[in-house]
Amino acid sequence: MKERPIGIFDSGVGGLTVAHAIKQILPGESIIYFGDTAHLPYGDKSAESIKLYSRKITEFLLEHNVKVVLVACNSASASAFDILKKEFSQTILIDVINPVVDYLATKHYERIGVIGTKRTISSGTYENKIKNRTGETTVVSLATPLLVPMIEEGFIFDDISNAIIRTYLSDPSLKGIQALILGCTHYPIIKNQISKIFNFNIDIVDSARIVAEALRENLEKNDLLNMGDKLKDQFFISDYTPYFEKIARMFFEGEINLKKADIWS
């Protein structure tokens, strides 16, 4: 059981930020990653569609004998995580929202910003969970829907991406925030550009490392940390995109075992 891989899924490359953090913090673990590139971005899909995709991918990962399923997508965490917990009650499931809320509960910020996809922001999940934990904290949410397709198309570290990021983050609602939650696992790829907009003066809350730490605690709690041999990491996508492999190679050294898995037929 301990030597089984960790299952991770996202709509595309964003969850690779979480997978990379896991490999840094838990080098003894192997992973099976599924990027649902056929349906990205999840942020403009209905909650029912996201639930359907999430169920099917979870089944796929469990068929590959994973010991835990990590929902490395904020839109899926907001829209499908509760139903996944009910339908896969015997499976250890971890999302990317609750660990961030737990982290912020220790910080006592007065004003927090959240940026994310339309689905994540419209769900109000971050705002509701943070207010329930911290009481008086003001949470301002801003949908930034162009960021995911921008990243997936490879427009990062250039004039186009800088213009889009600056336009979004200049929104008056974000004035005076002490922390900004990157409410999409794609966003850590442009974390430095985001931080620069705020003159590096606020806490940019990147869920990747926070979630990886939460995973380690969960594995320790359930006596599932791998101390023996590990399997080779595997990466699956539902539709081939050249940029996915490019980003995967940016995060993971060596050859990427990338396969297409058409689980929707």
Protein backbone atom coordinates (compact mmCIF):
# COMPACT_ATOMS: atom_id res chain seq x y z
CA MET A 1 0.00 0.00 0.00
CA LYS A 2 2.77 2.46 0.89
CA GLU A 3 4.51 1.94 -2.44
CA ARG A 4 1.43 2.80 -4.46
CA PRO A 5 1.58 6.12 -6.35
CA ILE A 6 -0.16 9.38 -5.54
CA GLY A 7 -2.89 10.29 -8.03
CA ILE A 8 -3.11 13.95 -9.09
CA PHE A 9 -5.43 15.62 -11.58
CA ASP A 10 -6.06 19.05 -13.06
CA SER A 11 -7.57 20.50 -16.23
CA GLY A 12 -4.10 21.02 -17.73
CA VAL A 13 -0.59 22.05 -16.71
CA GLY A 14 -1.57 23.91 -13.53
CA GLY A 15 -1.50 20.86 -11.30
CA LEU A 16 2.12 20.30 -12.30
CA THR A 17 3.00 23.06 -9.83
CA VAL A 18 1.52 20.89 -7.07
CA ALA A 19 3.11 17.72 -8.44
CA HIS A 20 6.50 19.46 -8.49
CA ALA A 21 6.12 20.59 -4.87
CA ILE A 22 5.17 17.03 -3.88
CA LYS A 23 8.30 15.62 -5.51
CA GLN A 24 10.42 18.17 -3.60
CA ILE A 25 8.81 17.52 -0.22
CA LEU A 26 8.16 13.80 -0.71
CA PRO A 27 10.98 12.56 -2.95
CA GLY A 28 10.25 8.95 -2.03
CA GLU A 29 6.79 9.05 -3.60
CA SER A 30 5.79 8.30 -7.18
CA ILE A 31 2.92 10.06 -8.93
CA ILE A 32 0.35 9.45 -11.62
CA TYR A 33 -0.78 12.75 -13.11
CA PHE A 34 -3.84 13.30 -15.30
CA GLY A 35 -4.24 16.57 -17.20
CA ASP A 36 -7.70 16.87 -18.74
CA THR A 37 -6.48 18.92 -21.68
CA ALA A 38 -9.52 17.94 -23.75
CA HIS A 39 -11.75 20.01 -21.47
CA LEU A 40 -9.53 22.84 -20.27
CA PRO A 41 -10.10 25.33 -18.88
CA TYR A 42 -12.49 24.05 -16.20
CA GLY A 43 -13.09 27.62 -15.07
CA ASP A 44 -15.70 28.33 -17.73
CA LYS A 45 -17.48 24.96 -17.42
CA SER A 46 -20.67 24.30 -15.44
CA ALA A 47 -20.44 22.74 -11.99
CA GLU A 48 -22.22 19.63 -13.30
CA SER A 49 -19.69 19.19 -16.10
CA ILE A 50 -16.78 19.56 -13.67
CA LYS A 51 -18.34 16.95 -11.38
CA LEU A 52 -18.66 14.55 -14.33
CA TYR A 53 -15.03 15.06 -15.38
CA SER A 54 -13.78 14.73 -11.80
CA ARG A 55 -15.66 11.48 -11.18
CA LYS A 56 -14.33 9.89 -14.36
CA ILE A 57 -10.73 10.96 -13.70
CA THR A 58 -10.90 9.74 -10.09
CA GLU A 59 -12.08 6.35 -11.36
CA PHE A 60 -9.20 6.31 -13.84
CA LEU A 61 -6.64 7.04 -11.12
CA LEU A 62 -8.09 4.40 -8.80
CA GLU A 63 -7.88 1.87 -11.64
CA HIS A 64 -4.16 2.66 -11.63
CA ASN A 65 -3.96 1.65 -7.98
CA VAL A 66 -3.22 5.04 -6.40
CA LYS A 67 -3.25 5.32 -2.61
CA VAL A 68 -4.58 8.89 -2.52
CA VAL A 69 -6.28 11.24 -5.00
CA LEU A 70 -5.27 14.89 -4.96
CA VAL A 71 -7.64 17.28 -6.73
CA ALA A 72 -5.01 19.75 -7.94
CA CYS A 73 -7.53 22.11 -9.50
CA ASN A 74 -9.33 24.93 -7.72
CA SER A 75 -12.40 24.80 -9.96
CA ALA A 76 -12.78 21.06 -9.34
CA SER A 77 -12.05 21.51 -5.62
CA ALA A 78 -14.78 24.16 -5.41
CA SER A 79 -17.38 22.35 -7.51
CA ALA A 80 -16.74 18.62 -7.14
CA PHE A 81 -14.72 17.85 -4.02
CA ASP A 82 -17.68 17.35 -1.68
CA ILE A 83 -19.43 14.97 -4.09
CA LEU A 84 -16.18 13.04 -4.65
CA LYS A 85 -15.83 12.54 -0.88
CA LYS A 86 -19.34 11.07 -0.75
CA GLU A 87 -19.01 8.84 -3.81
CA PHE A 88 -15.46 7.64 -3.05
CA SER A 89 -15.78 7.45 0.72
CA GLN A 90 -13.14 4.70 1.04
CA THR A 91 -10.53 6.80 -0.80
CA ILE A 92 -8.23 9.40 0.76
CA LEU A 93 -9.02 12.63 -1.09
CA ILE A 94 -7.24 15.98 -0.74
CA ASP A 95 -8.22 19.28 -2.36
CA VAL A 96 -6.28 22.50 -2.89
CA ILE A 97 -8.61 24.88 -1.05
CA ASN A 98 -8.92 23.62 2.52
CA PRO A 99 -5.13 23.49 3.17
CA VAL A 100 -4.85 27.13 2.06
CA VAL A 101 -7.70 28.16 4.35
CA ASP A 102 -5.99 26.34 7.23
CA TYR A 103 -2.76 28.21 6.45
CA LEU A 104 -4.48 31.62 6.37
CA ALA A 105 -6.27 30.93 9.65
CA THR A 106 -2.86 31.20 11.34
CA LYS A 107 -1.95 34.55 9.75
CA HIS A 108 -4.65 36.96 11.00
CA TYR A 109 -4.75 39.13 7.88
CA GLU A 110 -7.41 41.85 7.82
CA ARG A 111 -7.85 42.01 4.04
CA ILE A 112 -7.19 39.15 1.62
CA GLY A 113 -7.56 39.03 -2.15
CA VAL A 114 -8.41 35.96 -4.22
CA ILE A 115 -7.89 35.58 -7.95
CA GLY A 116 -9.12 32.56 -9.86
CA THR A 117 -11.27 31.23 -12.67
CA LYS A 118 -14.88 32.27 -13.11
CA ARG A 119 -16.06 28.95 -11.63
CA THR A 120 -13.85 29.20 -8.53
CA ILE A 121 -14.75 32.83 -7.85
CA SER A 122 -18.48 32.45 -8.51
CA SER A 123 -18.62 29.50 -6.09
CA GLY A 124 -17.60 31.80 -3.22
CA THR A 125 -15.75 28.86 -1.67
CA TYR A 126 -12.64 30.72 -0.55
CA GLU A 127 -14.59 33.68 0.75
CA ASN A 128 -17.04 31.54 2.74
CA LYS A 129 -14.44 29.20 4.20
CA ILE A 130 -12.06 31.99 5.22
CA LYS A 131 -14.82 34.05 6.85
CA ASN A 132 -16.05 30.98 8.73
CA ARG A 133 -12.53 30.40 10.09
CA THR A 134 -11.35 33.96 10.72
CA GLY A 135 -14.52 35.94 11.40
CA GLU A 136 -13.57 39.55 10.72
CA THR A 137 -11.33 39.06 7.68
CA THR A 138 -12.38 40.95 4.56
CA VAL A 139 -12.06 38.79 1.43
CA VAL A 140 -12.22 40.35 -2.03
CA SER A 141 -12.50 38.04 -5.02
CA LEU A 142 -11.62 38.75 -8.64
CA ALA A 143 -12.15 36.46 -11.63
CA THR A 144 -9.14 36.45 -13.96
CA PRO A 145 -10.32 34.12 -16.75
CA LEU A 146 -7.67 34.97 -19.36
CA LEU A 147 -4.76 33.77 -17.23
CA VAL A 148 -5.30 30.01 -17.68
CA PRO A 149 -5.57 30.03 -21.51
CA MET A 150 -2.69 32.51 -21.59
CA ILE A 151 -0.49 30.11 -19.63
CA GLU A 152 -1.68 27.02 -21.52
CA GLU A 153 -0.81 28.74 -24.82
CA GLY A 154 2.68 29.57 -23.60
CA PHE A 155 2.32 33.33 -23.16
CA ILE A 156 4.41 33.77 -20.03
CA PHE A 157 7.31 36.09 -19.18
CA ASP A 158 6.52 38.36 -22.14
CA ASP A 159 4.80 41.69 -22.90
CA ILE A 160 1.44 40.02 -23.57
CA SER A 161 1.32 38.23 -20.22
CA ASN A 162 2.59 41.29 -18.33
CA ALA A 163 -0.13 43.47 -19.86
CA ILE A 164 -2.90 41.01 -18.99
CA ILE A 165 -1.63 40.47 -15.44
CA ARG A 166 -1.25 44.20 -14.80
CA THR A 167 -4.73 44.95 -16.17
CA TYR A 168 -6.33 42.42 -13.83
CA LEU A 169 -4.34 43.23 -10.71
CA SER A 170 -4.83 46.98 -11.07
CA ASP A 171 -8.48 46.44 -10.15
CA PRO A 172 -9.40 48.85 -7.32
CA SER A 173 -10.98 46.03 -5.28
CA LEU A 174 -7.49 44.65 -4.54
CA LYS A 175 -6.23 47.88 -3.02
CA GLY A 176 -4.95 47.44 0.53
CA ILE A 177 -4.79 43.66 0.56
CA GLN A 178 -2.14 42.04 2.75
CA ALA A 179 -2.23 38.68 0.99
CA LEU A 180 -3.30 37.40 -2.41
CA ILE A 181 -4.44 33.81 -2.88
CA LEU A 182 -3.47 32.32 -6.21
CA GLY A 183 -6.79 30.52 -6.54
CA CYS A 184 -5.71 28.45 -9.52
CA THR A 185 -2.83 26.01 -9.67
CA HIS A 186 -1.76 27.48 -13.02
CA TYR A 187 -0.96 30.83 -11.42
CA PRO A 188 2.24 29.88 -9.56
CA ILE A 189 3.87 29.67 -12.99
CA ILE A 190 3.53 33.48 -13.15
CA LYS A 191 3.98 34.07 -9.41
CA ASN A 192 6.98 36.36 -9.79
CA GLN A 193 5.16 38.56 -12.30
CA ILE A 194 2.19 38.81 -9.94
CA SER A 195 4.39 39.60 -6.95
CA LYS A 196 6.16 42.33 -8.93
CA ILE A 197 2.84 44.14 -9.51
CA PHE A 198 2.57 44.52 -5.73
CA ASN A 199 6.23 45.52 -5.38
CA PHE A 200 6.86 42.24 -3.51
CA ASN A 201 5.10 43.78 -0.47
CA ILE A 202 2.30 41.27 0.12
CA ASP A 203 2.06 37.55 0.85
CA ILE A 204 1.45 35.73 -2.44
CA VAL A 205 -0.25 32.55 -1.26
CA ASP A 206 0.85 29.74 -3.56
CA SER A 207 -1.16 26.61 -2.79
CA ALA A 208 1.37 24.16 -4.26
CA ARG A 209 3.74 23.88 -1.31
CA ILE A 210 0.94 24.28 1.26
CA VAL A 211 -0.97 21.38 -0.32
CA ALA A 212 2.17 19.24 -0.56
CA GLU A 213 2.77 19.75 3.18
CA ALA A 214 -0.86 18.82 3.89
CA LEU A 215 -0.41 15.66 1.83
CA ARG A 216 2.69 14.69 3.81
CA GLU A 217 0.80 15.12 7.10
CA ASN A 218 -2.05 12.98 5.76
CA LEU A 219 0.28 10.21 4.61
CA GLU A 220 2.10 10.23 7.95
CA LYS A 221 -1.21 10.11 9.81
CA ASN A 222 -2.36 7.09 7.80
CA ASP A 223 1.06 5.37 7.87
CA LEU A 224 1.32 5.58 4.08
CA LEU A 225 4.68 7.30 3.57
CA ASN A 226 6.74 5.30 1.12
CA MET A 227 10.04 4.17 2.59
CA GLY A 228 10.80 1.50 0.01
CA ASP A 229 10.99 1.19 -3.75
CA LYS A 230 8.96 3.57 -5.87
CA LEU A 231 7.34 3.28 -9.27
CA LYS A 232 8.15 5.44 -12.27
CA ASP A 233 6.13 8.67 -12.49
CA GLN A 234 3.43 8.65 -15.16
CA PHE A 235 1.76 11.58 -16.92
CA PHE A 236 -1.52 11.25 -18.80
CA ILE A 237 -3.40 13.81 -20.87
CA SER A 238 -6.82 13.50 -22.48
CA ASP A 239 -5.73 15.39 -25.60
CA TYR A 240 -2.23 16.10 -26.86
CA THR A 241 -0.96 19.68 -26.51
CA PRO A 242 2.72 20.46 -27.27
CA TYR A 243 2.89 22.99 -24.44
CA PHE A 244 1.96 20.42 -21.78
CA GLU A 245 5.11 18.44 -22.47
CA LYS A 246 7.20 21.63 -22.53
CA ILE A 247 5.93 22.72 -19.10
CA ALA A 248 6.25 19.19 -17.71
CA ARG A 249 9.90 19.12 -18.74
CA MET A 250 10.39 22.52 -17.10
CA PHE A 251 9.26 21.06 -13.75
CA PHE A 252 10.59 17.52 -14.01
CA GLU A 253 14.10 16.70 -15.13
CA GLY A 254 14.72 13.73 -17.37
CA GLU A 255 12.37 11.99 -19.73
CA ILE A 256 8.64 12.51 -19.23
CA ASN A 257 6.54 9.39 -19.61
CA LEU A 258 3.62 11.18 -21.28
CA LYS A 259 0.66 9.20 -22.62
CA LYS A 260 -2.71 10.11 -24.09
CA ALA A 261 -5.64 8.47 -22.31
CA ASP A 262 -9.03 8.90 -23.99
CA ILE A 263 -11.24 8.13 -21.02
CA TRP A 264 -14.27 9.89 -22.51
CA SER A 265 -15.05 7.47 -25.37
